[in-house]
PDB file of N, CA and C in Angstrom:
ATOM      1  N   MET A   1      21.986 -15.440   0.845  1.00  0.00           N
ATOM      2  CA  MET A   1      23.651 -15.197   1.606  1.00  0.00           C
ATOM      3  C   MET A   1      23.341 -14.116   2.626  1.00  0.00           C
ATOM      4  N   GLY A   2      21.917 -14.282   3.206  1.00  0.00           N
ATOM      5  CA  GLY A   2      22.129 -12.986   4.350  1.00  0.00           C
ATOM      6  C   GLY A   2      21.372 -11.634   4.477  1.00  0.00           C
ATOM      7  N   GLY A   3      20.538 -11.928   2.984  1.00  0.00           N
ATOM      8  CA  GLY A   3      19.722 -10.841   2.595  1.00  0.00           C
ATOM      9  C   GLY A   3      18.498 -11.112   3.281  1.00  0.00           C
ATOM     10  N   PRO A   4      17.637 -10.008   3.180  1.00  0.00           N
ATOM     11  CA  PRO A   4      15.891 -10.419   3.348  1.00  0.00           C
ATOM     12  C   PRO A   4      15.534 -11.472   2.485  1.00  0.00           C
ATOM     13  N   LYS A   5      14.705 -12.032   3.117  1.00  0.00           N
ATOM     14  CA  LYS A   5      13.672 -13.029   1.781  1.00  0.00           C
ATOM     15  C   LYS A   5      13.412 -12.474   1.086  1.00  0.00           C
ATOM     16  N   ALA A   6      12.189 -11.307   1.556  1.00  0.00           N
ATOM     17  CA  ALA A   6      11.515 -10.633   0.364  1.00  0.00           C
ATOM     18  C   ALA A   6      11.943  -9.809  -0.329  1.00  0.00           C
ATOM     19  N   TYR A   7      10.964  -9.734  -1.614  1.00  0.00           N
ATOM     20  CA  TYR A   7      11.532  -8.682  -3.120  1.00  0.00           C
ATOM     21  C   TYR A   7      10.561  -8.216  -3.374  1.00  0.00           C
ATOM     22  N   GLY A   8      11.004  -6.917  -3.754  1.00  0.00           N
ATOM     23  CA  GLY A   8       9.679  -6.037  -3.790  1.00  0.00           C
ATOM     24  C   GLY A   8      10.231  -5.510  -5.706  1.00  0.00           C
ATOM     25  N   GLY A   9      10.929  -5.985  -6.194  1.00  0.00           N
ATOM     26  CA  GLY A   9      11.113  -5.379  -7.778  1.00  0.00           C
ATOM     27  C   GLY A   9      10.245  -6.175  -8.821  1.00  0.00           C
ATOM     28  N   LYS A  10      10.837  -5.787  -9.923  1.00  0.00           N
ATOM     29  CA  LYS A  10       9.996  -6.200 -11.256  1.00  0.00           C
ATOM     30  C   LYS A  10      10.523  -7.955 -11.406  1.00  0.00           C
ATOM     31  N   THR A  11       9.219  -8.712 -11.347  1.00  0.00           N
ATOM     32  CA  THR A  11       9.541 -10.354 -11.927  1.00  0.00           C
ATOM     33  C   THR A  11      10.734  -9.997 -13.220  1.00  0.00           C
ATOM     34  N   PRO A  12      11.003 -11.477 -13.318  1.00  0.00           N
ATOM     35  CA  PRO A  12      12.255 -11.946 -13.587  1.00  0.00           C
ATOM     36  C   PRO A  12      11.829 -11.861 -15.468  1.00  0.00           C
ATOM     37  N   ILE A  13      10.492 -11.749 -16.114  1.00  0.00           N
ATOM     38  CA  ILE A  13      10.005 -11.875 -17.154  1.00  0.00           C
ATOM     39  C   ILE A  13      10.125 -10.301 -17.490  1.00  0.00           C
ATOM     40  N   SER A  14       9.520  -9.488 -16.740  1.00  0.00           N
ATOM     41  CA  SER A  14       9.009  -8.230 -17.166  1.00  0.00           C
ATOM     42  C   SER A  14      10.758  -7.529 -16.815  1.00  0.00           C
ATOM     43  N   ALA A  15      11.868  -7.754 -16.279  1.00  0.00           N
ATOM     44  CA  ALA A  15      12.871  -7.044 -16.138  1.00  0.00           C
ATOM     45  C   ALA A  15      13.554  -7.765 -17.460  1.00  0.00           C
ATOM     46  N   HIS A  16      13.155  -8.465 -17.525  1.00  0.00           N
ATOM     47  CA  HIS A  16      13.691  -9.006 -19.110  1.00  0.00           C
ATOM     48  C   HIS A  16      13.216  -9.019 -20.096  1.00  0.00           C
ATOM     49  N   GLN A  17      11.989  -8.716 -20.332  1.00  0.00           N
ATOM     50  CA  GLN A  17      11.768  -8.640 -21.839  1.00  0.00           C
ATOM     51  C   GLN A  17      12.124  -7.701 -22.663  1.00  0.00           C
ATOM     52  N   HIS A  18      12.961  -7.091 -22.535  1.00  0.00           N
ATOM     53  CA  HIS A  18      13.839  -6.132 -23.659  1.00  0.00           C
ATOM     54  C   HIS A  18      14.909  -6.817 -23.826  1.00  0.00           C
ATOM     55  N   MET A  19      15.040  -7.883 -23.692  1.00  0.00           N
ATOM     56  CA  MET A  19      16.656  -8.196 -23.603  1.00  0.00           C
ATOM     57  C   MET A  19      16.866 -10.143 -24.661  1.00  0.00           C
ATOM     58  N   MET A  20      17.427  -9.423 -25.581  1.00  0.00           N
ATOM     59  CA  MET A  20      17.389 -11.021 -26.149  1.00  0.00           C
ATOM     60  C   MET A  20      18.511 -11.796 -25.428  1.00  0.00           C
ATOM     61  N   ILE A  21      18.268 -12.552 -24.481  1.00  0.00           N
ATOM     62  CA  ILE A  21      18.680 -13.755 -23.956  1.00  0.00           C
ATOM     63  C   ILE A  21      18.825 -15.500 -24.422  1.00  0.00           C
ATOM     64  N   SER A  22      19.887 -15.438 -25.072  1.00  0.00           N
ATOM     65  CA  SER A  22      19.867 -16.641 -25.823  1.00  0.00           C
ATOM     66  C   SER A  22      20.669 -17.733 -24.461  1.00  0.00           C
ATOM     67  N   GLU A  23      19.922 -18.921 -24.903  1.00  0.00           N
ATOM     68  CA  GLU A  23      20.476 -20.111 -24.397  1.00  0.00           C
ATOM     69  C   GLU A  23      22.345 -20.209 -24.072  1.00  0.00           C
ATOM     70  N   GLU A  24      23.071 -19.828 -24.456  1.00  0.00           N
ATOM     71  CA  GLU A  24      24.474 -19.897 -24.504  1.00  0.00           C
ATOM     72  C   GLU A  24      24.692 -18.612 -23.816  1.00  0.00           C
ATOM     73  N   LEU A  25      24.007 -17.678 -23.925  1.00  0.00           N
ATOM     74  CA  LEU A  25      24.395 -16.302 -22.897  1.00  0.00           C
ATOM     75  C   LEU A  25      23.817 -16.714 -21.582  1.00  0.00           C
ATOM     76  N   TYR A  26      22.971 -17.172 -21.867  1.00  0.00           N
ATOM     77  CA  TYR A  26      22.003 -17.557 -20.340  1.00  0.00           C
ATOM     78  C   TYR A  26      23.569 -18.476 -19.449  1.00  0.00           C
ATOM     79  N   ASP A  27      23.636 -19.322 -20.141  1.00  0.00           N
ATOM     80  CA  ASP A  27      24.996 -20.517 -19.824  1.00  0.00           C
ATOM     81  C   ASP A  27      25.769 -20.555 -19.428  1.00  0.00           C
ATOM     82  N   ILE A  28      26.649 -19.147 -20.227  1.00  0.00           N
ATOM     83  CA  ILE A  28      27.506 -18.214 -19.902  1.00  0.00           C
ATOM     84  C   ILE A  28      27.425 -17.999 -18.440  1.00  0.00           C
ATOM     85  N   ARG A  29      26.549 -16.970 -17.939  1.00  0.00           N
ATOM     86  CA  ARG A  29      26.228 -16.033 -16.853  1.00  0.00           C
ATOM     87  C   ARG A  29      26.222 -17.238 -15.851  1.00  0.00           C
ATOM     88  N   SER A  30      25.292 -18.191 -16.305  1.00  0.00           N
ATOM     89  CA  SER A  30      25.542 -19.038 -15.286  1.00  0.00           C
ATOM     90  C   SER A  30      27.003 -19.636 -14.703  1.00  0.00           C
ATOM     91  N   GLN A  31      27.981 -20.106 -15.589  1.00  0.00           N
ATOM     92  CA  GLN A  31      29.209 -20.277 -15.266  1.00  0.00           C
ATOM     93  C   GLN A  31      29.797 -19.454 -14.433  1.00  0.00           C
ATOM     94  N   LEU A  32      29.724 -18.021 -14.888  1.00  0.00           N
ATOM     95  CA  LEU A  32      30.566 -16.972 -14.488  1.00  0.00           C
ATOM     96  C   LEU A  32      29.778 -16.517 -12.586  1.00  0.00           C
ATOM     97  N   LEU A  33      28.344 -17.017 -12.984  1.00  0.00           N
ATOM     98  CA  LEU A  33      27.723 -16.940 -11.282  1.00  0.00           C
ATOM     99  C   LEU A  33      28.536 -17.793 -10.408  1.00  0.00           C
ATOM    100  N   SER A  34      28.553 -18.988 -10.540  1.00  0.00           N
ATOM    101  CA  SER A  34      29.321 -19.842  -9.778  1.00  0.00           C
ATOM    102  C   SER A  34      30.517 -19.728  -9.958  1.00  0.00           C
ATOM    103  N   ALA A  35      31.368 -19.655 -10.525  1.00  0.00           N
ATOM    104  CA  ALA A  35      32.555 -18.874 -10.531  1.00  0.00           C
ATOM    105  C   ALA A  35      33.064 -17.603  -9.165  1.00  0.00           C
ATOM    106  N   ALA A  36      31.778 -16.806  -9.503  1.00  0.00           N
ATOM    107  CA  ALA A  36      31.835 -15.634  -8.711  1.00  0.00           C
ATOM    108  C   ALA A  36      31.647 -15.972  -7.285  1.00  0.00           C
ATOM    109  N   ILE A  37      30.342 -16.755  -6.902  1.00  0.00           N
ATOM    110  CA  ILE A  37      30.578 -17.387  -5.527  1.00  0.00           C
ATOM    111  C   ILE A  37      31.391 -18.068  -4.959  1.00  0.00           C
ATOM    112  N   LYS A  38      31.886 -19.100  -5.915  1.00  0.00           N
ATOM    113  CA  LYS A  38      33.210 -20.000  -5.268  1.00  0.00           C
ATOM    114  C   LYS A  38      34.201 -18.960  -4.982  1.00  0.00           C
ATOM    115  N   GLU A  39      34.534 -17.749  -5.520  1.00  0.00           N
ATOM    116  CA  GLU A  39      35.824 -16.523  -5.555  1.00  0.00           C
ATOM    117  C   GLU A  39      35.198 -16.036  -4.308  1.00  0.00           C
ATOM    118  N   ALA A  40      33.898 -16.049  -3.843  1.00  0.00           N
ATOM    119  CA  ALA A  40      33.939 -15.081  -2.889  1.00  0.00           C
ATOM    120  C   ALA A  40      33.917 -16.260  -1.510  1.00  0.00           C
ATOM    121  N   GLY A  41      34.045 -17.735  -1.581  1.00  0.00           N
ATOM    122  CA  GLY A  41      34.491 -18.053  -0.169  1.00  0.00           C
ATOM    123  C   GLY A  41      33.049 -19.113   0.084  1.00  0.00           C
ATOM    124  N   ILE A  42      31.743 -18.788  -0.379  1.00  0.00           N
ATOM    125  CA  ILE A  42      30.731 -19.432  -0.217  1.00  0.00           C
ATOM    126  C   ILE A  42      30.939 -20.540  -0.375  1.00  0.00           C
ATOM    127  N   ASP A  43      30.574 -21.391   0.708  1.00  0.00           N
ATOM    128  CA  ASP A  43      30.395 -22.721   0.927  1.00  0.00           C
ATOM    129  C   ASP A  43      30.026 -23.738  -0.344  1.00  0.00           C
ATOM    130  N   ASP A  44      30.412 -24.510  -1.157  1.00  0.00           N
ATOM    131  CA  ASP A  44      30.018 -25.281  -2.035  1.00  0.00           C
ATOM    132  C   ASP A  44      28.487 -25.585  -2.135  1.00  0.00           C
ATOM    133  N   GLU A  45      27.892 -26.205  -0.960  1.00  0.00           N
ATOM    134  CA  GLU A  45      26.200 -26.344  -0.623  1.00  0.00           C
ATOM    135  C   GLU A  45      26.092 -25.408  -0.955  1.00  0.00           C
ATOM    136  N   LEU A  46      25.782 -23.855  -0.677  1.00  0.00           N
ATOM    137  CA  LEU A  46      25.121 -23.304  -0.490  1.00  0.00           C
ATOM    138  C   LEU A  46      25.397 -22.575  -1.956  1.00  0.00           C
ATOM    139  N   ARG A  47      26.571 -22.748  -2.515  1.00  0.00           N
ATOM    140  CA  ARG A  47      26.426 -22.304  -3.802  1.00  0.00           C
ATOM    141  C   ARG A  47      25.962 -22.865  -5.063  1.00  0.00           C
ATOM    142  N   LYS A  48      25.492 -24.496  -4.905  1.00  0.00           N
ATOM    143  CA  LYS A  48      24.995 -25.433  -5.115  1.00  0.00           C
ATOM    144  C   LYS A  48      23.402 -24.985  -5.405  1.00  0.00           C
ATOM    145  N   GLU A  49      23.539 -24.732  -3.900  1.00  0.00           N
ATOM    146  CA  GLU A  49      21.354 -24.243  -3.527  1.00  0.00           C
ATOM    147  C   GLU A  49      20.825 -22.984  -4.081  1.00  0.00           C
ATOM    148  N   TRP A  50      21.946 -22.397  -4.372  1.00  0.00           N
ATOM    149  CA  TRP A  50      21.697 -20.638  -5.289  1.00  0.00           C
ATOM    150  C   TRP A  50      21.821 -21.308  -6.503  1.00  0.00           C
ATOM    151  N   LEU A  51      22.438 -21.710  -7.184  1.00  0.00           N
ATOM    152  CA  LEU A  51      22.302 -21.979  -8.571  1.00  0.00           C
ATOM    153  C   LEU A  51      20.975 -22.409  -8.788  1.00  0.00           C
ATOM    154  N   ALA A  52      20.767 -23.519  -8.245  1.00  0.00           N
ATOM    155  CA  ALA A  52      19.304 -24.582  -8.188  1.00  0.00           C
ATOM    156  C   ALA A  52      18.630 -23.483  -8.261  1.00  0.00           C
ATOM    157  N   ALA A  53      18.459 -22.180  -7.640  1.00  0.00           N
ATOM    158  CA  ALA A  53      16.797 -21.363  -7.468  1.00  0.00           C
ATOM    159  C   ALA A  53      17.570 -20.441  -8.265  1.00  0.00           C
ATOM    160  N   ASP A  54      18.598 -20.245  -8.943  1.00  0.00           N
ATOM    161  CA  ASP A  54      18.621 -19.341 -10.139  1.00  0.00           C
ATOM    162  C   ASP A  54      18.490 -19.988 -11.439  1.00  0.00           C
ATOM    163  N   ALA A  55      18.572 -21.113 -11.516  1.00  0.00           N
ATOM    164  CA  ALA A  55      18.060 -21.610 -12.547  1.00  0.00           C
ATOM    165  C   ALA A  55      16.545 -22.056 -12.715  1.00  0.00           C
ATOM    166  N   THR A  56      16.040 -21.834 -11.747  1.00  0.00           N
ATOM    167  CA  THR A  56      14.788 -21.846 -11.940  1.00  0.00           C
ATOM    168  C   THR A  56      13.767 -20.543 -12.905  1.00  0.00           C
ATOM    169  N   PHE A  57      14.709 -19.133 -12.967  1.00  0.00           N
ATOM    170  CA  PHE A  57      14.372 -18.236 -13.727  1.00  0.00           C
ATOM    171  C   PHE A  57      14.550 -18.688 -15.194  1.00  0.00           C
ATOM    172  N   LYS A  58      15.298 -19.818 -15.547  1.00  0.00           N
ATOM    173  CA  LYS A  58      15.502 -20.124 -16.682  1.00  0.00           C
ATOM    174  C   LYS A  58      14.840 -19.412 -18.012  1.00  0.00           C
ATOM    175  N   ARG A  59      13.526 -20.253 -17.966  1.00  0.00           N
ATOM    176  CA  ARG A  59      12.754 -20.258 -18.318  1.00  0.00           C
ATOM    177  C   ARG A  59      12.117 -19.115 -19.056  1.00  0.00           C
ATOM    178  N   ALA A  60      11.828 -17.766 -18.096  1.00  0.00           N
ATOM    179  CA  ALA A  60      11.715 -16.590 -18.086  1.00  0.00           C
ATOM    180  C   ALA A  60      12.232 -15.807 -18.517  1.00  0.00           C
ATOM    181  N   LEU A  61      13.754 -16.366 -18.859  1.00  0.00           N
ATOM    182  CA  LEU A  61      14.797 -15.144 -19.252  1.00  0.00           C
ATOM    183  C   LEU A  61      15.140 -15.531 -20.600  1.00  0.00           C
ATOM    184  N   VAL A  62      15.466 -16.758 -21.368  1.00  0.00           N
ATOM    185  CA  VAL A  62      15.644 -17.264 -22.431  1.00  0.00           C
ATOM    186  C   VAL A  62      15.187 -17.370 -23.250  1.00  0.00           C
ATOM    187  N   LYS A  63      15.345 -16.532 -24.461  1.00  0.00           N
ATOM    188  CA  LYS A  63      14.294 -16.390 -25.788  1.00  0.00           C
ATOM    189  C   LYS A  63      15.166 -17.119 -27.026  1.00  0.00           C
ATOM    190  N   LYS A  64      14.553 -17.898 -27.915  1.00  0.00           N
ATOM    191  CA  LYS A  64      14.774 -18.048 -29.393  1.00  0.00           C
ATOM    192  C   LYS A  64      15.234 -17.133 -30.188  1.00  0.00           C
ATOM    193  N   SER A  65      14.559 -16.061 -29.898  1.00  0.00           N
ATOM    194  CA  SER A  65      14.845 -14.885 -31.406  1.00  0.00           C
ATOM    195  C   SER A  65      14.521 -13.338 -30.679  1.00  0.00           C
ATOM    196  N   ARG A  66      14.412 -12.516 -31.709  1.00  0.00           N
ATOM    197  CA  ARG A  66      14.037 -11.263 -30.952  1.00  0.00           C
ATOM    198  C   ARG A  66      12.562 -11.006 -31.249  1.00  0.00           C
ATOM    199  N   ASP A  67      11.848 -11.736 -31.820  1.00  0.00           N
ATOM    200  CA  ASP A  67      10.126 -11.857 -32.035  1.00  0.00           C
ATOM    201  C   ASP A  67       9.752 -11.912 -30.668  1.00  0.00           C
ATOM    202  N   GLU A  68      10.343 -12.703 -29.646  1.00  0.00           N
ATOM    203  CA  GLU A  68       9.885 -13.055 -28.129  1.00  0.00           C
ATOM    204  C   GLU A  68       9.999 -11.780 -27.457  1.00  0.00           C
ATOM    205  N   CYS A  69      11.021 -10.604 -27.503  1.00  0.00           N
ATOM    206  CA  CYS A  69      11.051  -9.896 -26.909  1.00  0.00           C
ATOM    207  C   CYS A  69      10.415  -8.634 -26.994  1.00  0.00           C
ATOM    208  N   SER A  70      10.189  -7.618 -26.007  1.00  0.00           N
ATOM    209  CA  SER A  70       8.854  -6.741 -26.288  1.00  0.00           C
ATOM    210  C   SER A  70       9.110  -5.537 -25.070  1.00  0.00           C
ATOM    211  N   THR A  71       8.841  -4.253 -25.336  1.00  0.00           N
ATOM    212  CA  THR A  71       9.310  -3.456 -24.931  1.00  0.00           C
ATOM    213  C   THR A  71       8.199  -2.468 -24.048  1.00  0.00           C
ATOM    214  N   SER A  72       8.953  -1.884 -22.916  1.00  0.00           N
ATOM    215  CA  SER A  72       7.859  -1.839 -22.319  1.00  0.00           C
ATOM    216  C   SER A  72       7.312   0.298 -22.139  1.00  0.00           C
ATOM    217  N   TYR A  73       8.030   0.550 -22.497  1.00  0.00           N
ATOM    218  CA  TYR A  73       7.672   2.191 -23.433  1.00  0.00           C
ATOM    219  C   TYR A  73       8.515   2.405 -24.652  1.00  0.00           C
ATOM    220  N   PRO A  74       7.534   3.489 -25.142  1.00  0.00           N
ATOM    221  CA  PRO A  74       8.299   3.702 -26.911  1.00  0.00           C
ATOM    222  C   PRO A  74       9.877   4.020 -26.853  1.00  0.00           C
ATOM    223  N   THR A  75      10.500   4.397 -26.292  1.00  0.00           N
ATOM    224  CA  THR A  75      11.613   4.630 -26.123  1.00  0.00           C
ATOM    225  C   THR A  75      12.664   3.642 -25.753  1.00  0.00           C
ATOM    226  N   GLN A  76      12.505   2.274 -25.233  1.00  0.00           N
ATOM    227  CA  GLN A  76      13.267   1.502 -24.719  1.00  0.00           C
ATOM    228  C   GLN A  76      13.464   0.477 -26.246  1.00  0.00           C
ATOM    229  N   SER A  77      15.053   0.557 -26.264  1.00  0.00           N
ATOM    230  CA  SER A  77      15.628  -0.639 -27.483  1.00  0.00           C
ATOM    231  C   SER A  77      15.503  -1.876 -26.858  1.00  0.00           C
ATOM    232  N   ILE A  78      15.399  -2.332 -28.048  1.00  0.00           N
ATOM    233  CA  ILE A  78      15.783  -3.853 -27.562  1.00  0.00           C
ATOM    234  C   ILE A  78      17.321  -4.624 -27.481  1.00  0.00           C
ATOM    235  N   LEU A  79      17.797  -5.613 -26.408  1.00  0.00           N
ATOM    236  CA  LEU A  79      18.822  -5.555 -26.152  1.00  0.00           C
ATOM    237  C   LEU A  79      19.414  -6.769 -26.699  1.00  0.00           C
ATOM    238  N   ASP A  80      20.527  -6.629 -27.488  1.00  0.00           N
ATOM    239  CA  ASP A  80      20.854  -7.864 -28.817  1.00  0.00           C
ATOM    240  C   ASP A  80      21.680  -8.282 -28.023  1.00  0.00           C
ATOM    241  N   PHE A  81      22.723  -8.741 -27.531  1.00  0.00           N
ATOM    242  CA  PHE A  81      23.981  -8.928 -27.631  1.00  0.00           C
ATOM    243  C   PHE A  81      24.795  -9.855 -28.121  1.00  0.00           C
ATOM    244  N   PRO A  82      25.750  -9.658 -28.831  1.00  0.00           N
ATOM    245  CA  PRO A  82      26.470 -10.331 -29.624  1.00  0.00           C
ATOM    246  C   PRO A  82      26.988 -11.997 -28.943  1.00  0.00           C
ATOM    247  N   LYS A  83      26.867 -12.607 -30.021  1.00  0.00           N
ATOM    248  CA  LYS A  83      27.179 -14.022 -29.437  1.00  0.00           C
ATOM    249  C   LYS A  83      28.664 -14.220 -28.260  1.00  0.00           C
ATOM    250  N   PRO A  84      28.577 -14.246 -27.541  1.00  0.00           N
ATOM    251  CA  PRO A  84      29.645 -14.636 -26.908  1.00  0.00           C
ATOM    252  C   PRO A  84      30.740 -15.506 -27.006  1.00  0.00           C
ATOM    253  N   LEU A  85      32.293 -15.086 -26.771  1.00  0.00           N
ATOM    254  CA  LEU A  85      33.154 -16.064 -26.864  1.00  0.00           C
ATOM    255  C   LEU A  85      33.523 -16.821 -25.797  1.00  0.00           C
TER     256      LEU A  85
END
């Protein structure tokens, strides 16, 4: 959406390893992202393209239980979010 194509941050797996992201939470986030892109007035074709690219990270983010989470350092806690409304 106009930014550079290079990314120098953490990989999705390492950036989210301490977060318990359920399938349901991921789906709600995708719906919110879609609505935000629409609200910003982005062309529908580009919105679909963005969401398709975003969906490629799903397998790296979604976990079935807290047991799949890990921390990067001793004081980092596992983030577990309550069931979304």
